[in-house]
C-alpha cells in the first residue's frame, strides 16, 4: 500500500530522471503544488539526498493520490475501462468522430475509447509538462501531428484524473482555438466533483471526495 513516503521516493526518482515538476505531477496524479512539495521534501538533486530511506512525511498540501496502475499495466483491464468510458459518452450520439487524449496517461485510455466508438484519435500535451518554476501561463500546450487533427470537428476529451480541472479547461480552450467543438469530457477519477467545464459535461467513473478538515 502506497503512503506519502512512497510518493516522496517516487518523486525523487522522477526528478533524478530529469522530469519537470509538471510531468511529475502528471505521473503521480497529484497537483503541481503537491508535486513541488514531494520533490522538495525528497531533497532530489542534492548531494545529501537519500531516496532509498525517506523520512516520515508530515504536513504538505491537501491532495488525493489516485493509483490506477493495476488498470494501466494490463491491456485487458484498460480495454474494459475504455469500454465503460465509451458507454458513458455514447449518449451523445454517433456524430462525434474524434477522441482527444490528454497526454500522457489519457492517451492510452483515449485509444480504447476511440476504438470502441469508432472515432479518429488525437492527443494533446498540456503546458504543465513543461512547467518547472515560474509562471505557467507563459507556456503553451500542443496537439501531436502524429495523430488526427481538429479541423473544425466535434470531439470527446479523455484523461485519467481531474485534480483541479485546470488541465481539462486548458484542453477545452485549445480545441476551441483550433475551431473544434468539445462535446463531452470523461476521466477515470474526478477529485473535485466537477459536472461541467465551460458548459461542457464532464463524466467520471469515480468521484473521489475528501471528507473532513484539511
C-alpha atoms as a PDB file:
ATOM      1  CA  UNK A   1       0.000   0.000   0.000  1.00  0.00           C
ATOM      2  CA  UNK A   2       1.454   3.350  -1.012  1.00  0.00           C
ATOM      3  CA  UNK A   3       1.894   6.086   1.562  1.00  0.00           C
ATOM      4  CA  UNK A   4       3.321   9.609   1.422  1.00  0.00           C
ATOM      5  CA  UNK A   5       6.854   8.325   1.887  1.00  0.00           C
ATOM      6  CA  UNK A   6       6.455   6.144  -1.207  1.00  0.00           C
ATOM      7  CA  UNK A   7       5.295   9.188  -3.186  1.00  0.00           C
ATOM      8  CA  UNK A   8       8.271  11.214  -1.975  1.00  0.00           C
ATOM      9  CA  UNK A   9      10.628   8.473  -3.118  1.00  0.00           C
ATOM     10  CA  UNK A  10       8.854   8.218  -6.477  1.00  0.00           C
ATOM     11  CA  UNK A  11       9.038  11.990  -6.926  1.00  0.00           C
ATOM     12  CA  UNK A  12      12.771  11.927  -6.199  1.00  0.00           C
ATOM     13  CA  UNK A  13      13.369   9.168  -8.722  1.00  0.00           C
ATOM     14  CA  UNK A  14      11.379  11.002 -11.402  1.00  0.00           C
ATOM     15  CA  UNK A  15      13.202  14.263 -10.678  1.00  0.00           C
ATOM     16  CA  UNK A  16      16.563  12.498 -10.929  1.00  0.00           C
ATOM     17  CA  UNK A  17      15.496  11.187 -14.350  1.00  0.00           C
ATOM     18  CA  UNK A  18      15.102  14.798 -15.460  1.00  0.00           C
ATOM     19  CA  UNK A  19      11.309  15.141 -15.437  1.00  0.00           C
ATOM     20  CA  UNK A  20       9.914  18.623 -14.844  1.00  0.00           C
ATOM     21  CA  UNK A  21       7.680  19.113 -11.833  1.00  0.00           C
ATOM     22  CA  UNK A  22       4.655  19.340 -14.102  1.00  0.00           C
ATOM     23  CA  UNK A  23       5.493  15.934 -15.565  1.00  0.00           C
ATOM     24  CA  UNK A  24       5.976  14.535 -12.061  1.00  0.00           C
ATOM     25  CA  UNK A  25       2.545  15.845 -11.103  1.00  0.00           C
ATOM     26  CA  UNK A  26       1.127  14.048 -14.140  1.00  0.00           C
ATOM     27  CA  UNK A  27       2.940  10.780 -13.390  1.00  0.00           C
ATOM     28  CA  UNK A  28       1.823  10.716  -9.746  1.00  0.00           C
ATOM     29  CA  UNK A  29      -1.704  12.056 -10.380  1.00  0.00           C
ATOM     30  CA  UNK A  30      -1.280  14.940  -7.962  1.00  0.00           C
ATOM     31  CA  UNK A  31      -1.449  18.721  -8.241  1.00  0.00           C
ATOM     32  CA  UNK A  32       1.540  20.843  -9.214  1.00  0.00           C
ATOM     33  CA  UNK A  33       1.692  22.134  -5.653  1.00  0.00           C
ATOM     34  CA  UNK A  34       1.817  18.598  -4.288  1.00  0.00           C
ATOM     35  CA  UNK A  35       4.479  17.595  -6.819  1.00  0.00           C
ATOM     36  CA  UNK A  36       6.641  20.542  -5.767  1.00  0.00           C
ATOM     37  CA  UNK A  37       6.223  19.622  -2.110  1.00  0.00           C
ATOM     38  CA  UNK A  38       7.130  15.992  -2.750  1.00  0.00           C
ATOM     39  CA  UNK A  39      10.261  16.894  -4.720  1.00  0.00           C
ATOM     40  CA  UNK A  40      11.387  19.455  -2.158  1.00  0.00           C
ATOM     41  CA  UNK A  41      10.715  17.016   0.693  1.00  0.00           C
ATOM     42  CA  UNK A  42      12.822  14.363  -1.005  1.00  0.00           C
ATOM     43  CA  UNK A  43      15.793  16.656  -1.497  1.00  0.00           C
ATOM     44  CA  UNK A  44      16.106  15.349  -5.063  1.00  0.00           C
ATOM     45  CA  UNK A  45      19.130  16.706  -6.848  1.00  0.00           C
ATOM     46  CA  UNK A  46      21.052  17.449  -3.649  1.00  0.00           C
ATOM     47  CA  UNK A  47      24.218  15.579  -2.821  1.00  0.00           C
ATOM     48  CA  UNK A  48      22.852  14.601   0.578  1.00  0.00           C
ATOM     49  CA  UNK A  49      19.552  13.156  -0.635  1.00  0.00           C
ATOM     50  CA  UNK A  50      18.936   9.513   0.222  1.00  0.00           C
ATOM     51  CA  UNK A  51      15.837   8.395  -1.657  1.00  0.00           C
ATOM     52  CA  UNK A  52      16.285   4.792  -0.502  1.00  0.00           C
ATOM     53  CA  UNK A  53      15.404   5.752   3.068  1.00  0.00           C
ATOM     54  CA  UNK A  54      12.873   8.587   3.107  1.00  0.00           C
ATOM     55  CA  UNK A  55      11.934  10.306   6.355  1.00  0.00           C
ATOM     56  CA  UNK A  56       8.330  10.025   7.501  1.00  0.00           C
ATOM     57  CA  UNK A  57       6.493  12.950   5.923  1.00  0.00           C
ATOM     58  CA  UNK A  58       4.169  15.331   7.727  1.00  0.00           C
ATOM     59  CA  UNK A  59       2.125  18.272   6.536  1.00  0.00           C
ATOM     60  CA  UNK A  60       2.061  19.173   2.887  1.00  0.00           C
ATOM     61  CA  UNK A  61      -0.761  20.370   0.631  1.00  0.00           C
ATOM     62  CA  UNK A  62      -4.192  18.774   0.827  1.00  0.00           C
ATOM     63  CA  UNK A  63      -4.492  16.346  -2.072  1.00  0.00           C
ATOM     64  CA  UNK A  64      -5.584  12.826  -3.010  1.00  0.00           C
ATOM     65  CA  UNK A  65      -3.299  10.411  -4.826  1.00  0.00           C
ATOM     66  CA  UNK A  66      -5.054   8.095  -7.299  1.00  0.00           C
ATOM     67  CA  UNK A  67      -3.090   4.964  -8.198  1.00  0.00           C
ATOM     68  CA  UNK A  68      -4.705   3.205 -11.182  1.00  0.00           C
ATOM     69  CA  UNK A  69      -1.611   1.240 -12.223  1.00  0.00           C
ATOM     70  CA  UNK A  70      -3.493  -2.052 -11.727  1.00  0.00           C
ATOM     71  CA  UNK A  71      -5.587  -0.978 -14.722  1.00  0.00           C
ATOM     72  CA  UNK A  72      -2.843   0.667 -16.741  1.00  0.00           C
ATOM     73  CA  UNK A  73      -0.439  -2.258 -16.690  1.00  0.00           C
ATOM     74  CA  UNK A  74      -2.976  -4.726 -18.081  1.00  0.00           C
ATOM     75  CA  UNK A  75      -4.271  -4.200 -21.621  1.00  0.00           C
ATOM     76  CA  UNK A  76      -7.402  -6.265 -20.977  1.00  0.00           C
ATOM     77  CA  UNK A  77      -8.399  -4.201 -17.935  1.00  0.00           C
ATOM     78  CA  UNK A  78      -7.582  -0.991 -19.789  1.00  0.00           C
ATOM     79  CA  UNK A  79      -9.819  -2.064 -22.655  1.00  0.00           C
ATOM     80  CA  UNK A  80     -12.701  -2.732 -20.257  1.00  0.00           C
ATOM     81  CA  UNK A  81     -12.254   0.700 -18.649  1.00  0.00           C
ATOM     82  CA  UNK A  82     -12.251   2.288 -22.093  1.00  0.00           C
ATOM     83  CA  UNK A  83     -15.460   0.461 -22.948  1.00  0.00           C
ATOM     84  CA  UNK A  84     -17.100   1.783 -19.776  1.00  0.00           C
ATOM     85  CA  UNK A  85     -15.987   5.324 -20.584  1.00  0.00           C
ATOM     86  CA  UNK A  86     -17.223   4.959 -24.171  1.00  0.00           C
ATOM     87  CA  UNK A  87     -20.566   3.725 -22.875  1.00  0.00           C
ATOM     88  CA  UNK A  88     -20.983   6.926 -20.859  1.00  0.00           C
ATOM     89  CA  UNK A  89     -20.055   9.083 -23.843  1.00  0.00           C
ATOM     90  CA  UNK A  90     -22.305   7.150 -26.225  1.00  0.00           C
ATOM     91  CA  UNK A  91     -25.365   9.068 -25.062  1.00  0.00           C
ATOM     92  CA  UNK A  92     -24.197  11.978 -27.227  1.00  0.00           C
ATOM     93  CA  UNK A  93     -24.923  10.065 -30.427  1.00  0.00           C
ATOM     94  CA  UNK A  94     -22.887   8.952 -33.421  1.00  0.00           C
ATOM     95  CA  UNK A  95     -21.928  12.311 -34.949  1.00  0.00           C
ATOM     96  CA  UNK A  96     -18.702  12.782 -32.958  1.00  0.00           C
ATOM     97  CA  UNK A  97     -15.802  11.383 -34.976  1.00  0.00           C
ATOM     98  CA  UNK A  98     -12.733  12.414 -32.936  1.00  0.00           C
ATOM     99  CA  UNK A  99     -11.434  11.497 -29.474  1.00  0.00           C
ATOM    100  CA  UNK A 100      -8.672  13.594 -27.900  1.00  0.00           C
ATOM    101  CA  UNK A 101      -6.488  12.043 -25.208  1.00  0.00           C
ATOM    102  CA  UNK A 102      -4.614  14.307 -22.812  1.00  0.00           C
ATOM    103  CA  UNK A 103      -1.005  13.116 -22.600  1.00  0.00           C
ATOM    104  CA  UNK A 104       0.458  11.152 -21.075  1.00  0.00           C
ATOM    105  CA  UNK A 105      -1.957   8.886 -19.229  1.00  0.00           C
ATOM    106  CA  UNK A 106      -5.071   9.995 -21.074  1.00  0.00           C
ATOM    107  CA  UNK A 107      -3.695   8.845 -24.442  1.00  0.00           C
ATOM    108  CA  UNK A 108      -3.970   5.046 -23.924  1.00  0.00           C
ATOM    109  CA  UNK A 109      -7.419   5.483 -22.396  1.00  0.00           C
ATOM    110  CA  UNK A 110      -8.471   7.625 -25.363  1.00  0.00           C
ATOM    111  CA  UNK A 111      -7.174   4.928 -27.711  1.00  0.00           C
ATOM    112  CA  UNK A 112      -9.529   2.347 -26.204  1.00  0.00           C
ATOM    113  CA  UNK A 113     -12.425   4.834 -26.214  1.00  0.00           C
ATOM    114  CA  UNK A 114     -11.771   5.739 -29.855  1.00  0.00           C
ATOM    115  CA  UNK A 115     -11.702   2.075 -30.833  1.00  0.00           C
ATOM    116  CA  UNK A 116     -14.972   1.437 -29.009  1.00  0.00           C
ATOM    117  CA  UNK A 117     -16.737   4.443 -30.558  1.00  0.00           C
ATOM    118  CA  UNK A 118     -15.049   4.107 -33.959  1.00  0.00           C
ATOM    119  CA  UNK A 119     -13.614   7.648 -33.971  1.00  0.00           C
ATOM    120  CA  UNK A 120     -10.284   9.104 -35.040  1.00  0.00           C
ATOM    121  CA  UNK A 121      -7.686   9.690 -32.333  1.00  0.00           C
ATOM    122  CA  UNK A 122      -5.808  12.852 -31.387  1.00  0.00           C
ATOM    123  CA  UNK A 123      -3.584  13.768 -28.435  1.00  0.00           C
ATOM    124  CA  UNK A 124      -2.845  16.978 -26.555  1.00  0.00           C
ATOM    125  CA  UNK A 125       0.244  17.665 -24.420  1.00  0.00           C
ATOM    126  CA  UNK A 126      -0.708  20.249 -21.770  1.00  0.00           C
ATOM    127  CA  UNK A 127       1.600  23.064 -20.777  1.00  0.00           C
ATOM    128  CA  UNK A 128       2.177  21.597 -17.321  1.00  0.00           C
ATOM    129  CA  UNK A 129       4.560  19.087 -18.914  1.00  0.00           C
ATOM    130  CA  UNK A 130       6.968  21.987 -19.444  1.00  0.00           C
ATOM    131  CA  UNK A 131       6.426  23.566 -16.045  1.00  0.00           C
ATOM    132  CA  UNK A 132       9.302  23.680 -13.614  1.00  0.00           C
ATOM    133  CA  UNK A 133       9.225  27.025 -11.858  1.00  0.00           C
ATOM    134  CA  UNK A 134       7.807  30.435 -12.692  1.00  0.00           C
ATOM    135  CA  UNK A 135       4.621  31.458 -14.452  1.00  0.00           C
ATOM    136  CA  UNK A 136       2.950  28.528 -16.173  1.00  0.00           C
ATOM    137  CA  UNK A 137       0.716  30.960 -18.074  1.00  0.00           C
ATOM    138  CA  UNK A 138       3.729  31.796 -20.258  1.00  0.00           C
ATOM    139  CA  UNK A 139       3.820  28.222 -21.544  1.00  0.00           C
ATOM    140  CA  UNK A 140       1.640  26.540 -24.184  1.00  0.00           C
ATOM    141  CA  UNK A 141       0.359  23.047 -24.927  1.00  0.00           C
ATOM    142  CA  UNK A 142       0.489  21.251 -28.282  1.00  0.00           C
ATOM    143  CA  UNK A 143      -1.504  18.801 -30.379  1.00  0.00           C
ATOM    144  CA  UNK A 144       0.582  15.955 -31.764  1.00  0.00           C
ATOM    145  CA  UNK A 145       0.917  15.977 -35.547  1.00  0.00           C
ATOM    146  CA  UNK A 146       1.290  12.189 -35.494  1.00  0.00           C
ATOM    147  CA  UNK A 147      -2.419  11.797 -34.804  1.00  0.00           C
ATOM    148  CA  UNK A 148      -5.687  13.198 -36.139  1.00  0.00           C
ATOM    149  CA  UNK A 149      -6.083  16.974 -36.220  1.00  0.00           C
ATOM    150  CA  UNK A 150      -9.047  19.047 -35.050  1.00  0.00           C
ATOM    151  CA  UNK A 151     -10.125  20.585 -38.382  1.00  0.00           C
ATOM    152  CA  UNK A 152     -13.392  22.071 -37.051  1.00  0.00           C
ATOM    153  CA  UNK A 153     -14.597  18.722 -35.742  1.00  0.00           C
ATOM    154  CA  UNK A 154     -16.721  17.697 -32.780  1.00  0.00           C
ATOM    155  CA  UNK A 155     -14.712  15.686 -30.273  1.00  0.00           C
ATOM    156  CA  UNK A 156     -14.547  13.955 -26.912  1.00  0.00           C
ATOM    157  CA  UNK A 157     -11.789  14.648 -24.378  1.00  0.00           C
ATOM    158  CA  UNK A 158     -10.321  11.796 -22.306  1.00  0.00           C
ATOM    159  CA  UNK A 159      -7.937  11.897 -19.325  1.00  0.00           C
ATOM    160  CA  UNK A 160      -7.172   9.717 -16.331  1.00  0.00           C
ATOM    161  CA  UNK A 161      -7.888  12.107 -13.450  1.00  0.00           C
ATOM    162  CA  UNK A 162      -9.150  15.593 -12.695  1.00  0.00           C
ATOM    163  CA  UNK A 163      -7.158  17.146  -9.861  1.00  0.00           C
ATOM    164  CA  UNK A 164      -8.158  20.803 -10.115  1.00  0.00           C
ATOM    165  CA  UNK A 165      -9.771  20.989 -13.555  1.00  0.00           C
ATOM    166  CA  UNK A 166      -7.068  23.311 -14.917  1.00  0.00           C
ATOM    167  CA  UNK A 167      -5.676  20.876 -17.499  1.00  0.00           C
ATOM    168  CA  UNK A 168      -9.122  19.875 -18.741  1.00  0.00           C
ATOM    169  CA  UNK A 169     -10.116  23.532 -19.073  1.00  0.00           C
ATOM    170  CA  UNK A 170      -6.877  24.256 -20.951  1.00  0.00           C
ATOM    171  CA  UNK A 171      -7.597  21.396 -23.359  1.00  0.00           C
ATOM    172  CA  UNK A 172     -11.137  22.607 -23.991  1.00  0.00           C
ATOM    173  CA  UNK A 173      -9.833  26.094 -24.774  1.00  0.00           C
ATOM    174  CA  UNK A 174      -7.068  24.723 -27.034  1.00  0.00           C
ATOM    175  CA  UNK A 175      -9.578  22.669 -29.038  1.00  0.00           C
ATOM    176  CA  UNK A 176     -11.915  25.623 -29.420  1.00  0.00           C
ATOM    177  CA  UNK A 177      -8.990  27.803 -30.534  1.00  0.00           C
ATOM    178  CA  UNK A 178      -8.391  25.275 -33.326  1.00  0.00           C
ATOM    179  CA  UNK A 179     -12.023  25.593 -34.353  1.00  0.00           C
ATOM    180  CA  UNK A 180     -13.106  22.298 -32.794  1.00  0.00           C
ATOM    181  CA  UNK A 181     -16.172  21.683 -30.658  1.00  0.00           C
ATOM    182  CA  UNK A 182     -15.703  19.637 -27.466  1.00  0.00           C
ATOM    183  CA  UNK A 183     -18.901  17.678 -26.845  1.00  0.00           C
ATOM    184  CA  UNK A 184     -18.041  15.930 -23.565  1.00  0.00           C
ATOM    185  CA  UNK A 185     -15.115  15.110 -21.275  1.00  0.00           C
ATOM    186  CA  UNK A 186     -14.501  11.915 -19.329  1.00  0.00           C
ATOM    187  CA  UNK A 187     -11.958  10.684 -16.768  1.00  0.00           C
ATOM    188  CA  UNK A 188     -11.404   7.644 -14.605  1.00  0.00           C
ATOM    189  CA  UNK A 189     -11.429   9.632 -11.359  1.00  0.00           C
ATOM    190  CA  UNK A 190     -12.542  13.167 -10.535  1.00  0.00           C
ATOM    191  CA  UNK A 191     -11.121  14.627  -7.312  1.00  0.00           C
ATOM    192  CA  UNK A 192     -13.241  17.788  -7.492  1.00  0.00           C
ATOM    193  CA  UNK A 193     -16.729  16.546  -8.347  1.00  0.00           C
ATOM    194  CA  UNK A 194     -16.836  18.724 -11.481  1.00  0.00           C
ATOM    195  CA  UNK A 195     -20.007  18.353 -13.543  1.00  0.00           C
ATOM    196  CA  UNK A 196     -19.089  20.683 -16.382  1.00  0.00           C
ATOM    197  CA  UNK A 197     -16.314  22.887 -17.740  1.00  0.00           C
ATOM    198  CA  UNK A 198     -17.201  25.887 -19.894  1.00  0.00           C
ATOM    199  CA  UNK A 199     -20.678  24.401 -20.306  1.00  0.00           C
ATOM    200  CA  UNK A 200     -19.313  21.046 -21.499  1.00  0.00           C
ATOM    201  CA  UNK A 201     -20.396  17.996 -19.462  1.00  0.00           C
ATOM    202  CA  UNK A 202     -17.713  16.130 -17.518  1.00  0.00           C
ATOM    203  CA  UNK A 203     -18.198  12.446 -16.702  1.00  0.00           C
ATOM    204  CA  UNK A 204     -16.137  10.166 -14.482  1.00  0.00           C
ATOM    205  CA  UNK A 205     -16.191   6.527 -13.476  1.00  0.00           C
ATOM    206  CA  UNK A 206     -15.305   7.570  -9.926  1.00  0.00           C
ATOM    207  CA  UNK A 207     -15.797  10.788  -7.980  1.00  0.00           C
ATOM    208  CA  UNK A 208     -13.266  10.995  -5.126  1.00  0.00           C
ATOM    209  CA  UNK A 209     -14.383  13.417  -2.403  1.00  0.00           C
ATOM    210  CA  UNK A 210     -12.351  14.341   0.679  1.00  0.00           C
ATOM    211  CA  UNK A 211     -14.463  14.478   3.839  1.00  0.00           C
ATOM    212  CA  UNK A 212     -13.284  16.224   6.979  1.00  0.00           C
ATOM    213  CA  UNK A 213     -10.955  19.047   7.897  1.00  0.00           C
ATOM    214  CA  UNK A 214      -7.922  19.716   5.758  1.00  0.00           C
END
